[in-house]
Amino acid sequence: MYQLHGIQAPRGMSYVTIEEHAAAFRRWAGVELDERLPAPQIFDDLDDYNEVRIDGLRRDVVSGVKDLSPDTQGQVFYNVEFDRIELELDLDIFEALMDEDAPHARFCFAHELGHLVLHSTLAYTLANASEHERAALMRTSKNHQPYEDTEWQANAFGGALLMPFLVVHELQAHYPTDVALKAAMMEHFGVTPKAVDIRLKVIRERLEKFSMLLPCC
């Protein structure tokens, strides 16, 4: 049973829907599905991301770095003063991403990109809500389904962005054993063993639904 870690998102999303959002982000970045995601470059270029629309209006996006609290590796929020969405990485995560392109830092960044793509409207709502309204939202967010959870959705987006289903599907055809497949995925995608295990479990448990993404011809 998935333990809820976030709040209730504006709408529930399936893994397949999130996969499509991740593919759209790759298209914006000009990164093919079979390419290793150039996370450091995307962080630098994020100010050019022009796909966030709130109340029908495009909002600017900026990336930044901050020495966050020990239990916070990144955050996405709406800056009321500058009318923009901001994605911040913790200093340690940022340095690991930019200096080493470290697998853990890559997933942290991909996770925050999930919040940016999927939850910018929610960030706007929270930033403009009164303290009473925010507290009420937190209270009503205790009982919701995993697919409605903001952290679940961001994790699913991170996995899909770094390890697209279509590429995993091709790799599975070339590597007959799980040991070989997992090693190939870690090398190709630049991810941790845990991320690979979770991604394979997600895909294998929902293969019929993911198969809808396969080319028809």
C-alpha atoms as a PDB file:
ATOM      1  CA  MET A   1       0.000   0.000   0.000  1.00  0.00           C
ATOM      2  CA  TYR A   2       1.416   3.348  -1.069  1.00  0.00           C
ATOM      3  CA  GLN A   3       1.907   5.791   1.814  1.00  0.00           C
ATOM      4  CA  LEU A   4       0.686   9.255   0.889  1.00  0.00           C
ATOM      5  CA  HIS A   5       3.412  11.889   1.150  1.00  0.00           C
ATOM      6  CA  GLY A   6       1.954  14.842  -0.721  1.00  0.00           C
ATOM      7  CA  ILE A   7      -1.373  16.640  -0.919  1.00  0.00           C
ATOM      8  CA  GLN A   8      -4.276  16.004  -3.252  1.00  0.00           C
ATOM      9  CA  ALA A   9      -3.524  17.131  -6.791  1.00  0.00           C
ATOM     10  CA  PRO A  10      -6.142  18.972  -8.848  1.00  0.00           C
ATOM     11  CA  ARG A  11      -6.820  15.717 -10.704  1.00  0.00           C
ATOM     12  CA  GLY A  12      -5.774  12.116 -10.605  1.00  0.00           C
ATOM     13  CA  MET A  13      -3.450  10.809 -13.294  1.00  0.00           C
ATOM     14  CA  SER A  14      -2.576   7.377 -14.578  1.00  0.00           C
ATOM     15  CA  TYR A  15       0.972   6.243 -15.291  1.00  0.00           C
ATOM     16  CA  VAL A  16       0.222   6.349 -19.025  1.00  0.00           C
ATOM     17  CA  THR A  17      -1.048   9.935 -18.853  1.00  0.00           C
ATOM     18  CA  ILE A  18       2.041  10.972 -16.920  1.00  0.00           C
ATOM     19  CA  GLU A  19       4.197   9.165 -19.505  1.00  0.00           C
ATOM     20  CA  GLU A  20       2.669  11.396 -22.180  1.00  0.00           C
ATOM     21  CA  HIS A  21       3.401  14.550 -20.159  1.00  0.00           C
ATOM     22  CA  ALA A  22       7.026  13.422 -19.748  1.00  0.00           C
ATOM     23  CA  ALA A  23       7.346  12.753 -23.483  1.00  0.00           C
ATOM     24  CA  ALA A  24       5.962  16.239 -24.182  1.00  0.00           C
ATOM     25  CA  PHE A  25       8.592  17.774 -21.913  1.00  0.00           C
ATOM     26  CA  ARG A  26      11.324  15.894 -23.786  1.00  0.00           C
ATOM     27  CA  ARG A  27       9.945  17.273 -27.051  1.00  0.00           C
ATOM     28  CA  TRP A  28      10.129  20.800 -25.643  1.00  0.00           C
ATOM     29  CA  ALA A  29      13.744  20.165 -24.577  1.00  0.00           C
ATOM     30  CA  GLY A  30      14.614  18.727 -27.986  1.00  0.00           C
ATOM     31  CA  VAL A  31      15.688  15.432 -26.423  1.00  0.00           C
ATOM     32  CA  GLU A  32      14.798  12.194 -28.196  1.00  0.00           C
ATOM     33  CA  LEU A  33      13.267   9.392 -26.151  1.00  0.00           C
ATOM     34  CA  ASP A  34      16.360   7.206 -26.581  1.00  0.00           C
ATOM     35  CA  GLU A  35      18.742   9.965 -25.466  1.00  0.00           C
ATOM     36  CA  ARG A  36      20.041  10.166 -21.923  1.00  0.00           C
ATOM     37  CA  LEU A  37      18.357  13.189 -20.398  1.00  0.00           C
ATOM     38  CA  PRO A  38      20.907  16.053 -20.239  1.00  0.00           C
ATOM     39  CA  ALA A  39      19.754  17.157 -16.800  1.00  0.00           C
ATOM     40  CA  PRO A  40      22.425  19.829 -16.150  1.00  0.00           C
ATOM     41  CA  GLN A  41      21.697  21.489 -19.488  1.00  0.00           C
ATOM     42  CA  ILE A  42      17.957  21.427 -18.887  1.00  0.00           C
ATOM     43  CA  PHE A  43      18.427  23.065 -15.488  1.00  0.00           C
ATOM     44  CA  ASP A  44      20.388  25.865 -17.160  1.00  0.00           C
ATOM     45  CA  ASP A  45      17.793  26.243 -19.927  1.00  0.00           C
ATOM     46  CA  LEU A  46      14.695  26.045 -17.735  1.00  0.00           C
ATOM     47  CA  ASP A  47      14.129  29.802 -17.892  1.00  0.00           C
ATOM     48  CA  ASP A  48      13.142  29.213 -21.536  1.00  0.00           C
ATOM     49  CA  TYR A  49      10.348  26.785 -20.606  1.00  0.00           C
ATOM     50  CA  ASN A  50       7.204  28.514 -21.825  1.00  0.00           C
ATOM     51  CA  GLU A  51       4.589  25.804 -21.378  1.00  0.00           C
ATOM     52  CA  VAL A  52       3.233  26.829 -17.958  1.00  0.00           C
ATOM     53  CA  ARG A  53      -0.196  28.438 -18.220  1.00  0.00           C
ATOM     54  CA  ILE A  54      -2.311  29.433 -15.258  1.00  0.00           C
ATOM     55  CA  ASP A  55      -5.782  30.902 -15.732  1.00  0.00           C
ATOM     56  CA  GLY A  56      -5.031  30.930 -19.461  1.00  0.00           C
ATOM     57  CA  LEU A  57      -1.934  33.103 -19.091  1.00  0.00           C
ATOM     58  CA  ARG A  58       1.648  31.982 -19.675  1.00  0.00           C
ATOM     59  CA  ARG A  59       3.834  32.296 -16.590  1.00  0.00           C
ATOM     60  CA  ASP A  60       7.600  32.650 -16.520  1.00  0.00           C
ATOM     61  CA  VAL A  61       9.695  29.878 -15.018  1.00  0.00           C
ATOM     62  CA  VAL A  62      13.079  30.284 -13.345  1.00  0.00           C
ATOM     63  CA  SER A  63      15.458  27.755 -11.811  1.00  0.00           C
ATOM     64  CA  GLY A  64      17.562  28.457  -8.769  1.00  0.00           C
ATOM     65  CA  VAL A  65      19.663  27.041  -5.952  1.00  0.00           C
ATOM     66  CA  LYS A  66      19.188  27.420  -2.213  1.00  0.00           C
ATOM     67  CA  ASP A  67      20.534  25.840   0.964  1.00  0.00           C
ATOM     68  CA  LEU A  68      17.280  24.126   1.875  1.00  0.00           C
ATOM     69  CA  SER A  69      16.371  22.279   5.051  1.00  0.00           C
ATOM     70  CA  PRO A  70      17.949  18.822   5.515  1.00  0.00           C
ATOM     71  CA  ASP A  71      14.758  16.982   4.527  1.00  0.00           C
ATOM     72  CA  THR A  72      14.095  19.092   1.411  1.00  0.00           C
ATOM     73  CA  GLN A  73      16.036  18.361  -1.777  1.00  0.00           C
ATOM     74  CA  GLY A  74      14.067  20.636  -4.041  1.00  0.00           C
ATOM     75  CA  GLN A  75      10.858  22.608  -4.328  1.00  0.00           C
ATOM     76  CA  VAL A  76       8.555  24.234  -6.849  1.00  0.00           C
ATOM     77  CA  PHE A  77       6.502  27.257  -5.840  1.00  0.00           C
ATOM     78  CA  TYR A  78       4.760  30.331  -7.203  1.00  0.00           C
ATOM     79  CA  ASN A  79       6.481  33.639  -6.472  1.00  0.00           C
ATOM     80  CA  VAL A  80       3.676  36.154  -5.982  1.00  0.00           C
ATOM     81  CA  GLU A  81       5.949  39.201  -6.131  1.00  0.00           C
ATOM     82  CA  PHE A  82       7.408  38.331  -9.530  1.00  0.00           C
ATOM     83  CA  ASP A  83       4.383  36.402 -10.883  1.00  0.00           C
ATOM     84  CA  ARG A  84       6.405  33.342 -11.839  1.00  0.00           C
ATOM     85  CA  ILE A  85       6.955  29.695 -11.029  1.00  0.00           C
ATOM     86  CA  GLU A  86      10.306  28.890  -9.413  1.00  0.00           C
ATOM     87  CA  LEU A  87      12.105  25.549  -9.223  1.00  0.00           C
ATOM     88  CA  GLU A  88      14.804  25.420  -6.578  1.00  0.00           C
ATOM     89  CA  LEU A  89      17.288  22.649  -5.880  1.00  0.00           C
ATOM     90  CA  ASP A  90      19.109  22.221  -2.624  1.00  0.00           C
ATOM     91  CA  LEU A  91      22.745  23.290  -2.906  1.00  0.00           C
ATOM     92  CA  ASP A  92      24.099  19.772  -2.351  1.00  0.00           C
ATOM     93  CA  ILE A  93      21.756  18.296  -4.976  1.00  0.00           C
ATOM     94  CA  PHE A  94      22.623  21.073  -7.418  1.00  0.00           C
ATOM     95  CA  GLU A  95      26.357  20.510  -7.027  1.00  0.00           C
ATOM     96  CA  ALA A  96      25.953  16.745  -7.438  1.00  0.00           C
ATOM     97  CA  LEU A  97      23.893  17.349 -10.572  1.00  0.00           C
ATOM     98  CA  MET A  98      26.167  19.903 -12.205  1.00  0.00           C
ATOM     99  CA  ASP A  99      29.568  18.511 -11.152  1.00  0.00           C
ATOM    100  CA  GLU A 100      28.925  14.769 -11.421  1.00  0.00           C
ATOM    101  CA  ASP A 101      25.513  14.345 -13.110  1.00  0.00           C
ATOM    102  CA  ALA A 102      24.953  11.987 -10.162  1.00  0.00           C
ATOM    103  CA  PRO A 103      22.056   9.496 -10.520  1.00  0.00           C
ATOM    104  CA  HIS A 104      20.375  10.491  -7.245  1.00  0.00           C
ATOM    105  CA  ALA A 105      20.546  14.184  -8.134  1.00  0.00           C
ATOM    106  CA  ARG A 106      19.199  13.464 -11.623  1.00  0.00           C
ATOM    107  CA  PHE A 107      16.103  11.826 -10.163  1.00  0.00           C
ATOM    108  CA  CYS A 108      15.605  14.630  -7.619  1.00  0.00           C
ATOM    109  CA  PHE A 109      15.657  17.159 -10.456  1.00  0.00           C
ATOM    110  CA  ALA A 110      13.332  15.035 -12.626  1.00  0.00           C
ATOM    111  CA  HIS A 111      10.951  14.761  -9.661  1.00  0.00           C
ATOM    112  CA  GLU A 112      10.863  18.555  -9.280  1.00  0.00           C
ATOM    113  CA  LEU A 113      10.273  18.893 -13.009  1.00  0.00           C
ATOM    114  CA  GLY A 114       7.224  16.709 -12.417  1.00  0.00           C
ATOM    115  CA  HIS A 115       5.900  19.246  -9.926  1.00  0.00           C
ATOM    116  CA  LEU A 116       6.637  22.030 -12.408  1.00  0.00           C
ATOM    117  CA  VAL A 117       4.825  20.357 -15.299  1.00  0.00           C
ATOM    118  CA  LEU A 118       1.923  18.854 -13.349  1.00  0.00           C
ATOM    119  CA  HIS A 119       1.368  21.106 -10.336  1.00  0.00           C
ATOM    120  CA  SER A 120       2.131  24.723 -11.254  1.00  0.00           C
ATOM    121  CA  THR A 121      -1.548  25.658 -11.017  1.00  0.00           C
ATOM    122  CA  LEU A 122      -1.700  24.117  -7.548  1.00  0.00           C
ATOM    123  CA  ALA A 123       1.417  26.076  -6.538  1.00  0.00           C
ATOM    124  CA  TYR A 124      -0.313  29.250  -7.732  1.00  0.00           C
ATOM    125  CA  THR A 125      -3.458  28.397  -5.772  1.00  0.00           C
ATOM    126  CA  LEU A 126      -1.519  27.715  -2.571  1.00  0.00           C
ATOM    127  CA  ALA A 127       0.532  30.897  -2.876  1.00  0.00           C
ATOM    128  CA  ASN A 128      -2.571  33.043  -3.284  1.00  0.00           C
ATOM    129  CA  ALA A 129      -4.665  31.308  -0.646  1.00  0.00           C
ATOM    130  CA  SER A 130      -5.170  32.622   2.859  1.00  0.00           C
ATOM    131  CA  GLU A 131      -3.623  30.767   5.794  1.00  0.00           C
ATOM    132  CA  HIS A 132      -7.074  29.413   6.645  1.00  0.00           C
ATOM    133  CA  GLU A 133      -7.635  28.202   3.073  1.00  0.00           C
ATOM    134  CA  ARG A 134      -4.224  26.487   2.971  1.00  0.00           C
ATOM    135  CA  ALA A 135      -4.896  24.768   6.279  1.00  0.00           C
ATOM    136  CA  ALA A 136      -8.276  23.582   5.001  1.00  0.00           C
ATOM    137  CA  LEU A 137      -6.663  22.191   1.861  1.00  0.00           C
ATOM    138  CA  MET A 138      -4.111  20.286   3.908  1.00  0.00           C
ATOM    139  CA  ARG A 139      -6.852  18.817   6.095  1.00  0.00           C
ATOM    140  CA  THR A 140      -8.945  17.661   3.150  1.00  0.00           C
ATOM    141  CA  SER A 141      -5.860  16.154   1.497  1.00  0.00           C
ATOM    142  CA  LYS A 142      -5.430  13.412   4.085  1.00  0.00           C
ATOM    143  CA  ASN A 143      -7.720  10.908   2.358  1.00  0.00           C
ATOM    144  CA  HIS A 144      -7.077  10.540  -1.344  1.00  0.00           C
ATOM    145  CA  GLN A 145      -5.915   7.886  -3.746  1.00  0.00           C
ATOM    146  CA  PRO A 146      -2.214   7.417  -4.615  1.00  0.00           C
ATOM    147  CA  TYR A 147      -2.825   8.496  -8.220  1.00  0.00           C
ATOM    148  CA  GLU A 148      -4.190  11.784  -6.832  1.00  0.00           C
ATOM    149  CA  ASP A 149      -1.138  12.407  -4.650  1.00  0.00           C
ATOM    150  CA  THR A 150       1.270  15.148  -5.725  1.00  0.00           C
ATOM    151  CA  GLU A 151       4.375  13.239  -4.622  1.00  0.00           C
ATOM    152  CA  TRP A 152       3.219  10.019  -6.291  1.00  0.00           C
ATOM    153  CA  GLN A 153       2.632  11.922  -9.524  1.00  0.00           C
ATOM    154  CA  ALA A 154       6.011  13.677  -9.373  1.00  0.00           C
ATOM    155  CA  ASN A 155       7.798  10.374  -8.744  1.00  0.00           C
ATOM    156  CA  ALA A 156       5.963   8.767 -11.653  1.00  0.00           C
ATOM    157  CA  PHE A 157       6.913  11.711 -13.880  1.00  0.00           C
ATOM    158  CA  GLY A 158      10.566  11.466 -12.819  1.00  0.00           C
ATOM    159  CA  GLY A 159      10.697   7.789 -13.746  1.00  0.00           C
ATOM    160  CA  ALA A 160       8.984   8.362 -17.094  1.00  0.00           C
ATOM    161  CA  LEU A 161      11.160  11.348 -17.969  1.00  0.00           C
ATOM    162  CA  LEU A 162      14.440   9.584 -17.235  1.00  0.00           C
ATOM    163  CA  MET A 163      13.415   6.097 -18.444  1.00  0.00           C
ATOM    164  CA  PRO A 164      10.802   6.342 -21.228  1.00  0.00           C
ATOM    165  CA  PHE A 165       8.674   3.221 -21.611  1.00  0.00           C
ATOM    166  CA  LEU A 166       9.393   2.800 -25.332  1.00  0.00           C
ATOM    167  CA  VAL A 167      13.141   2.691 -24.686  1.00  0.00           C
ATOM    168  CA  VAL A 168      12.778   0.324 -21.738  1.00  0.00           C
ATOM    169  CA  HIS A 169      10.653  -1.895 -23.984  1.00  0.00           C
ATOM    170  CA  GLU A 170      13.438  -2.000 -26.595  1.00  0.00           C
ATOM    171  CA  LEU A 171      16.121  -2.694 -23.995  1.00  0.00           C
ATOM    172  CA  GLN A 172      14.116  -5.617 -22.613  1.00  0.00           C
ATOM    173  CA  ALA A 173      14.217  -7.224 -26.050  1.00  0.00           C
ATOM    174  CA  HIS A 174      18.031  -7.016 -26.133  1.00  0.00           C
ATOM    175  CA  TYR A 175      18.850  -8.153 -22.587  1.00  0.00           C
ATOM    176  CA  PRO A 176      17.429 -11.578 -21.692  1.00  0.00           C
ATOM    177  CA  THR A 177      18.142 -11.462 -17.955  1.00  0.00           C
ATOM    178  CA  ASP A 178      17.080  -8.963 -15.323  1.00  0.00           C
ATOM    179  CA  VAL A 179      20.673  -8.538 -14.154  1.00  0.00           C
ATOM    180  CA  ALA A 180      21.814  -7.518 -17.630  1.00  0.00           C
ATOM    181  CA  LEU A 181      18.738  -5.379 -18.239  1.00  0.00           C
ATOM    182  CA  LYS A 182      19.083  -3.453 -14.976  1.00  0.00           C
ATOM    183  CA  ALA A 183      22.777  -2.816 -15.582  1.00  0.00           C
ATOM    184  CA  ALA A 184      22.007  -1.560 -19.091  1.00  0.00           C
ATOM    185  CA  MET A 185      19.283   0.752 -17.805  1.00  0.00           C
ATOM    186  CA  MET A 186      21.511   2.205 -15.102  1.00  0.00           C
ATOM    187  CA  GLU A 187      24.220   2.914 -17.657  1.00  0.00           C
ATOM    188  CA  HIS A 188      21.947   4.203 -20.418  1.00  0.00           C
ATOM    189  CA  PHE A 189      19.663   6.399 -18.314  1.00  0.00           C
ATOM    190  CA  GLY A 190      22.060   7.443 -15.526  1.00  0.00           C
ATOM    191  CA  VAL A 191      19.822   6.291 -12.691  1.00  0.00           C
ATOM    192  CA  THR A 192      20.110   4.397  -9.412  1.00  0.00           C
ATOM    193  CA  PRO A 193      19.385   0.668  -8.957  1.00  0.00           C
ATOM    194  CA  LYS A 194      16.339   1.574  -6.850  1.00  0.00           C
ATOM    195  CA  ALA A 195      14.944   3.795  -9.606  1.00  0.00           C
ATOM    196  CA  VAL A 196      15.387   0.979 -12.131  1.00  0.00           C
ATOM    197  CA  ASP A 197      13.663  -1.551  -9.857  1.00  0.00           C
ATOM    198  CA  ILE A 198      10.675   0.740  -9.300  1.00  0.00           C
ATOM    199  CA  ARG A 199      10.370   1.614 -12.986  1.00  0.00           C
ATOM    200  CA  LEU A 200      10.434  -2.019 -14.091  1.00  0.00           C
ATOM    201  CA  LYS A 201       7.874  -2.949 -11.449  1.00  0.00           C
ATOM    202  CA  VAL A 202       5.566  -0.140 -12.582  1.00  0.00           C
ATOM    203  CA  ILE A 203       5.816  -1.132 -16.239  1.00  0.00           C
ATOM    204  CA  ARG A 204       5.483  -4.884 -15.721  1.00  0.00           C
ATOM    205  CA  GLU A 205       2.442  -4.576 -13.475  1.00  0.00           C
ATOM    206  CA  ARG A 206       0.683  -2.374 -16.052  1.00  0.00           C
ATOM    207  CA  LEU A 207       2.128  -3.722 -19.300  1.00  0.00           C
ATOM    208  CA  GLU A 208      -1.228  -3.938 -21.053  1.00  0.00           C
ATOM    209  CA  LYS A 209      -1.910  -0.247 -20.479  1.00  0.00           C
ATOM    210  CA  PHE A 210       1.637   0.832 -21.340  1.00  0.00           C
ATOM    211  CA  SER A 211       1.407  -1.231 -24.528  1.00  0.00           C
ATOM    212  CA  MET A 212      -1.094   1.316 -25.844  1.00  0.00           C
ATOM    213  CA  LEU A 213       1.905   3.603 -26.333  1.00  0.00           C
ATOM    214  CA  LEU A 214       3.607   1.173 -28.727  1.00  0.00           C
ATOM    215  CA  PRO A 215       3.541   2.098 -32.454  1.00  0.00           C
ATOM    216  CA  CYS A 216       0.594   0.465 -34.144  1.00  0.00           C
ATOM    217  CA  CYS A 217       2.555  -0.523 -37.262  1.00  0.00           C
END
